[in-house]
């Protein structure tokens, strides 16, 4: 949490700060590669959009 992510797709281009993250409706602080997580986004994200972590 606290990371900045970018969600990109054919009609999507969002930058967002991860404020909360959930696995199976339980709040978690971090996840590992391959985990299926949920995060709150401010706009519509679609199934095939790509998510990347932005690094300063």
N, C-alpha and C. Protein backbone atom coordinates (compact mmCIF):
# COMPACT_ATOMS: atom_id res chain seq x y z
N UNK A 1 0.84 -1.16 0.00
CA UNK A 1 0.00 0.00 0.00
C UNK A 1 0.90 1.24 0.00
N UNK A 2 0.36 2.32 -0.54
CA UNK A 2 1.14 3.54 -0.67
C UNK A 2 1.87 3.64 -1.99
N UNK A 3 1.83 2.57 -2.80
CA UNK A 3 2.47 2.58 -4.11
C UNK A 3 1.60 3.32 -5.11
N UNK A 4 2.23 3.85 -6.14
CA UNK A 4 1.49 4.46 -7.24
C UNK A 4 1.46 3.48 -8.39
N UNK A 5 0.28 3.20 -8.90
CA UNK A 5 0.09 2.27 -10.01
C UNK A 5 -0.49 3.01 -11.21
N UNK A 6 -0.27 2.44 -12.38
CA UNK A 6 -0.87 2.95 -13.60
C UNK A 6 -1.66 1.81 -14.22
N UNK A 7 -2.90 2.10 -14.59
CA UNK A 7 -3.75 1.12 -15.25
C UNK A 7 -3.93 1.58 -16.69
N UNK A 8 -3.52 0.73 -17.64
CA UNK A 8 -3.56 1.10 -19.05
C UNK A 8 -4.35 0.07 -19.84
N UNK A 9 -5.13 0.58 -20.78
CA UNK A 9 -5.88 -0.28 -21.68
C UNK A 9 -6.25 0.49 -22.92
N UNK A 10 -7.06 -0.12 -23.76
CA UNK A 10 -7.47 0.48 -25.02
C UNK A 10 -8.15 1.83 -24.80
N UNK A 11 -9.02 1.92 -23.79
CA UNK A 11 -9.71 3.17 -23.49
C UNK A 11 -9.43 3.65 -22.06
N UNK A 12 -8.46 3.05 -21.38
CA UNK A 12 -8.17 3.36 -19.99
C UNK A 12 -6.75 3.88 -19.85
N UNK A 13 -6.56 4.90 -19.05
CA UNK A 13 -5.22 5.38 -18.68
C UNK A 13 -5.36 6.11 -17.35
N UNK A 14 -5.13 5.39 -16.25
CA UNK A 14 -5.31 5.93 -14.90
C UNK A 14 -4.00 5.84 -14.12
N UNK A 15 -3.73 6.86 -13.33
CA UNK A 15 -2.67 6.79 -12.32
C UNK A 15 -3.37 6.87 -10.98
N UNK A 16 -2.96 6.02 -10.04
CA UNK A 16 -3.65 5.99 -8.76
C UNK A 16 -2.71 5.62 -7.64
N UNK A 17 -3.00 6.11 -6.45
CA UNK A 17 -2.29 5.74 -5.25
C UNK A 17 -3.08 4.61 -4.58
N UNK A 18 -2.42 3.51 -4.26
CA UNK A 18 -3.09 2.37 -3.63
C UNK A 18 -3.30 2.71 -2.15
N UNK A 19 -4.56 2.89 -1.78
CA UNK A 19 -4.91 3.24 -0.40
C UNK A 19 -5.40 2.05 0.39
N UNK A 20 -5.99 1.06 -0.29
CA UNK A 20 -6.43 -0.15 0.38
C UNK A 20 -6.34 -1.32 -0.60
N UNK A 21 -6.12 -2.49 -0.05
CA UNK A 21 -5.97 -3.69 -0.88
C UNK A 21 -6.64 -4.85 -0.14
N UNK A 22 -7.37 -5.70 -0.90
CA UNK A 22 -8.10 -6.81 -0.30
C UNK A 22 -7.84 -8.11 -1.05
N UNK A 23 -7.78 -9.19 -0.29
CA UNK A 23 -7.76 -10.55 -0.84
C UNK A 23 -8.91 -11.29 -0.19
N UNK A 24 -9.84 -11.80 -1.00
CA UNK A 24 -11.02 -12.51 -0.48
C UNK A 24 -11.75 -11.69 0.58
N UNK A 25 -11.95 -10.39 0.32
CA UNK A 25 -12.68 -9.47 1.18
C UNK A 25 -11.98 -9.19 2.51
N UNK A 26 -10.72 -9.60 2.65
CA UNK A 26 -9.95 -9.31 3.86
C UNK A 26 -8.87 -8.28 3.51
N UNK A 27 -8.75 -7.25 4.32
CA UNK A 27 -7.76 -6.21 4.09
C UNK A 27 -6.36 -6.77 4.32
N UNK A 28 -5.43 -6.47 3.41
CA UNK A 28 -4.04 -6.92 3.53
C UNK A 28 -3.11 -5.73 3.29
N UNK A 29 -1.90 -5.81 3.83
CA UNK A 29 -0.91 -4.76 3.66
C UNK A 29 -0.06 -4.95 2.40
N UNK A 30 0.21 -6.21 2.01
CA UNK A 30 1.00 -6.47 0.81
C UNK A 30 0.57 -7.79 0.18
N UNK A 31 0.98 -7.96 -1.06
CA UNK A 31 0.64 -9.17 -1.82
C UNK A 31 1.88 -9.57 -2.62
N UNK A 32 1.90 -10.81 -3.07
CA UNK A 32 3.02 -11.30 -3.88
C UNK A 32 2.54 -11.56 -5.29
N UNK A 33 3.48 -11.68 -6.19
CA UNK A 33 3.17 -11.94 -7.59
C UNK A 33 2.27 -13.17 -7.70
N UNK A 34 1.19 -13.02 -8.46
CA UNK A 34 0.26 -14.13 -8.66
C UNK A 34 -0.98 -14.05 -7.79
N UNK A 35 -0.94 -13.24 -6.71
CA UNK A 35 -2.12 -13.08 -5.87
C UNK A 35 -3.20 -12.33 -6.64
N UNK A 36 -4.44 -12.71 -6.43
CA UNK A 36 -5.58 -12.00 -7.02
C UNK A 36 -6.08 -11.03 -5.96
N UNK A 37 -5.92 -9.73 -6.23
CA UNK A 37 -6.26 -8.72 -5.24
C UNK A 37 -7.32 -7.77 -5.78
N UNK A 38 -7.90 -7.01 -4.89
CA UNK A 38 -8.82 -5.96 -5.26
C UNK A 38 -8.33 -4.64 -4.70
N UNK A 39 -8.40 -3.59 -5.51
CA UNK A 39 -8.05 -2.24 -5.06
C UNK A 39 -9.14 -1.29 -5.52
N UNK A 40 -9.33 -0.21 -4.78
CA UNK A 40 -10.33 0.78 -5.13
C UNK A 40 -9.74 1.72 -6.19
N UNK A 41 -10.48 1.91 -7.28
CA UNK A 41 -10.04 2.81 -8.35
C UNK A 41 -11.08 3.92 -8.52
N UNK A 42 -10.63 5.08 -9.00
CA UNK A 42 -11.50 6.23 -9.13
C UNK A 42 -12.29 6.28 -10.42
N UNK A 43 -11.96 5.41 -11.38
CA UNK A 43 -12.63 5.41 -12.67
C UNK A 43 -12.80 3.96 -13.11
N UNK A 44 -13.38 3.74 -14.28
CA UNK A 44 -13.64 2.38 -14.74
C UNK A 44 -12.36 1.71 -15.23
N UNK A 45 -12.10 0.52 -14.72
CA UNK A 45 -11.01 -0.33 -15.18
C UNK A 45 -11.64 -1.58 -15.77
N UNK A 46 -11.04 -2.10 -16.81
CA UNK A 46 -11.61 -3.25 -17.50
C UNK A 46 -10.75 -4.50 -17.32
N UNK A 47 -11.35 -5.65 -17.56
CA UNK A 47 -10.71 -6.93 -17.29
C UNK A 47 -9.32 -7.08 -17.94
N UNK A 48 -9.14 -6.67 -19.17
CA UNK A 48 -7.87 -6.89 -19.87
C UNK A 48 -6.88 -5.72 -19.74
N UNK A 49 -7.20 -4.73 -18.92
CA UNK A 49 -6.26 -3.62 -18.70
C UNK A 49 -5.01 -4.14 -17.99
N UNK A 50 -3.90 -3.49 -18.25
CA UNK A 50 -2.62 -3.86 -17.62
C UNK A 50 -2.36 -2.92 -16.45
N UNK A 51 -1.81 -3.46 -15.37
CA UNK A 51 -1.48 -2.67 -14.20
C UNK A 51 0.03 -2.74 -14.00
N UNK A 52 0.65 -1.57 -13.85
CA UNK A 52 2.09 -1.51 -13.60
C UNK A 52 2.35 -0.63 -12.39
N UNK A 53 3.38 -0.97 -11.63
CA UNK A 53 3.78 -0.18 -10.47
C UNK A 53 4.75 0.89 -10.96
N UNK A 54 4.48 2.16 -10.60
CA UNK A 54 5.36 3.25 -10.99
C UNK A 54 6.44 3.41 -9.92
N UNK A 55 7.70 3.49 -10.37
CA UNK A 55 8.84 3.62 -9.47
C UNK A 55 9.51 4.95 -9.73
N UNK A 56 9.81 5.67 -8.65
CA UNK A 56 10.48 6.96 -8.79
C UNK A 56 11.94 6.79 -9.11
